[in-house]
Amino acid sequence: MRYYLNMRSGETFMEDPDGEEFANLDAAKEEAIRSAREIMADRLRVGLPLDGQTFEIHDEDRNLVATVPFKSAIPTG
């Protein structure tokens, strides 16, 4: 199934125009977490703040099916 990993940062919405094929929603969430970690690492490297970005995952009908806050990609414990 095709999912779109759109990113929201405050009032800014960055649409994923093409989407990507994933086996299921869990696989799309895993990709969102991996991508969030990469984006956060890049921001930290150049001294930019982490300011509450979120991936909004939409299905192929463009329905919102999951939200993955970047902070959920940070391992704890």
C-alpha atoms as a PDB file:
ATOM      1  CA  MET A   1       0.000   0.000   0.000  1.00  0.00           C
ATOM      2  CA  ARG A   2       1.211   3.539  -0.733  1.00  0.00           C
ATOM      3  CA  TYR A   3       1.715   5.874   2.213  1.00  0.00           C
ATOM      4  CA  TYR A   4       2.705   9.536   2.254  1.00  0.00           C
ATOM      5  CA  LEU A   5       5.051  10.743   4.990  1.00  0.00           C
ATOM      6  CA  ASN A   6       4.139  14.403   5.208  1.00  0.00           C
ATOM      7  CA  MET A   7       6.064  16.544   7.675  1.00  0.00           C
ATOM      8  CA  ARG A   8       4.653  19.278   9.882  1.00  0.00           C
ATOM      9  CA  SER A   9       6.811  21.794  11.700  1.00  0.00           C
ATOM     10  CA  GLY A  10       4.686  24.310  13.553  1.00  0.00           C
ATOM     11  CA  GLU A  11       2.392  25.885  10.978  1.00  0.00           C
ATOM     12  CA  THR A  12       4.531  24.646   8.068  1.00  0.00           C
ATOM     13  CA  PHE A  13       3.299  21.551   6.216  1.00  0.00           C
ATOM     14  CA  MET A  14       5.658  19.789   3.808  1.00  0.00           C
ATOM     15  CA  GLU A  15       3.778  17.385   1.581  1.00  0.00           C
ATOM     16  CA  ASP A  16       5.291  14.149   0.314  1.00  0.00           C
ATOM     17  CA  PRO A  17       4.090  14.339  -3.296  1.00  0.00           C
ATOM     18  CA  ASP A  18       5.010  10.797  -4.359  1.00  0.00           C
ATOM     19  CA  GLY A  19       4.596   8.587  -1.321  1.00  0.00           C
ATOM     20  CA  GLU A  20       6.196   5.197  -1.016  1.00  0.00           C
ATOM     21  CA  GLU A  21       5.044   1.594  -1.050  1.00  0.00           C
ATOM     22  CA  PHE A  22       5.117  -0.146   2.336  1.00  0.00           C
ATOM     23  CA  ALA A  23       3.939  -3.606   3.332  1.00  0.00           C
ATOM     24  CA  ASN A  24       1.697  -2.098   6.015  1.00  0.00           C
ATOM     25  CA  LEU A  25       1.210   0.898   8.291  1.00  0.00           C
ATOM     26  CA  ASP A  26       3.751  -0.410  10.817  1.00  0.00           C
ATOM     27  CA  ALA A  27       6.434  -0.416   8.114  1.00  0.00           C
ATOM     28  CA  ALA A  28       5.528   3.177   7.205  1.00  0.00           C
ATOM     29  CA  LYS A  29       5.800   4.168  10.883  1.00  0.00           C
ATOM     30  CA  GLU A  30       9.233   2.507  11.118  1.00  0.00           C
ATOM     31  CA  GLU A  31      10.389   4.539   8.119  1.00  0.00           C
ATOM     32  CA  ALA A  32       9.024   7.724   9.698  1.00  0.00           C
ATOM     33  CA  ILE A  33      10.993   7.000  12.882  1.00  0.00           C
ATOM     34  CA  ARG A  34      14.185   6.300  10.909  1.00  0.00           C
ATOM     35  CA  SER A  35      13.733   9.486   8.896  1.00  0.00           C
ATOM     36  CA  ALA A  36      12.977  11.541  12.009  1.00  0.00           C
ATOM     37  CA  ARG A  37      16.231  10.342  13.594  1.00  0.00           C
ATOM     38  CA  GLU A  38      18.201  11.362  10.509  1.00  0.00           C
ATOM     39  CA  ILE A  39      16.572  14.786  10.334  1.00  0.00           C
ATOM     40  CA  MET A  40      17.093  15.412  14.058  1.00  0.00           C
ATOM     41  CA  ALA A  41      20.752  14.350  13.832  1.00  0.00           C
ATOM     42  CA  ASP A  42      21.317  16.719  10.899  1.00  0.00           C
ATOM     43  CA  ARG A  43      19.671  19.600  12.779  1.00  0.00           C
ATOM     44  CA  LEU A  44      21.741  18.962  15.907  1.00  0.00           C
ATOM     45  CA  ARG A  45      24.976  18.791  13.876  1.00  0.00           C
ATOM     46  CA  VAL A  46      24.471  22.312  12.560  1.00  0.00           C
ATOM     47  CA  GLY A  47      23.173  23.727  15.840  1.00  0.00           C
ATOM     48  CA  LEU A  48      19.497  24.052  14.929  1.00  0.00           C
ATOM     49  CA  PRO A  49      16.831  23.447  17.567  1.00  0.00           C
ATOM     50  CA  LEU A  50      14.513  20.477  17.585  1.00  0.00           C
ATOM     51  CA  ASP A  51      11.204  22.233  17.389  1.00  0.00           C
ATOM     52  CA  GLY A  52       8.458  19.658  17.565  1.00  0.00           C
ATOM     53  CA  GLN A  53       8.308  18.308  14.031  1.00  0.00           C
ATOM     54  CA  THR A  54       5.874  15.519  13.300  1.00  0.00           C
ATOM     55  CA  PHE A  55       5.318  13.084  10.461  1.00  0.00           C
ATOM     56  CA  GLU A  56       1.692  12.816   9.435  1.00  0.00           C
ATOM     57  CA  ILE A  57       1.205   9.548   7.585  1.00  0.00           C
ATOM     58  CA  HIS A  58      -1.572   9.485   5.007  1.00  0.00           C
ATOM     59  CA  ASP A  59      -2.803   6.453   3.108  1.00  0.00           C
ATOM     60  CA  GLU A  60      -3.235   6.274  -0.656  1.00  0.00           C
ATOM     61  CA  ASP A  61      -6.649   7.917  -0.337  1.00  0.00           C
ATOM     62  CA  ARG A  62      -4.909  10.781   1.526  1.00  0.00           C
ATOM     63  CA  ASN A  63      -6.602   9.926   4.825  1.00  0.00           C
ATOM     64  CA  LEU A  64      -4.548  10.665   7.936  1.00  0.00           C
ATOM     65  CA  VAL A  65      -3.809   7.243   9.460  1.00  0.00           C
ATOM     66  CA  ALA A  66      -0.988   7.966  11.938  1.00  0.00           C
ATOM     67  CA  THR A  67       1.037  10.735  13.509  1.00  0.00           C
ATOM     68  CA  VAL A  68       4.671  10.181  14.487  1.00  0.00           C
ATOM     69  CA  PRO A  69       6.142  12.982  16.606  1.00  0.00           C
ATOM     70  CA  PHE A  70       9.905  13.229  16.101  1.00  0.00           C
ATOM     71  CA  LYS A  71      10.393  13.049  19.879  1.00  0.00           C
ATOM     72  CA  SER A  72       8.966   9.510  19.793  1.00  0.00           C
ATOM     73  CA  ALA A  73      12.018   8.484  17.731  1.00  0.00           C
ATOM     74  CA  ILE A  74      14.392   9.230  20.616  1.00  0.00           C
ATOM     75  CA  PRO A  75      15.226   6.054  22.540  1.00  0.00           C
ATOM     76  CA  THR A  76      14.656   6.248  26.289  1.00  0.00           C
ATOM     77  CA  GLY A  77      15.919   4.138  29.114  1.00  0.00           C
END
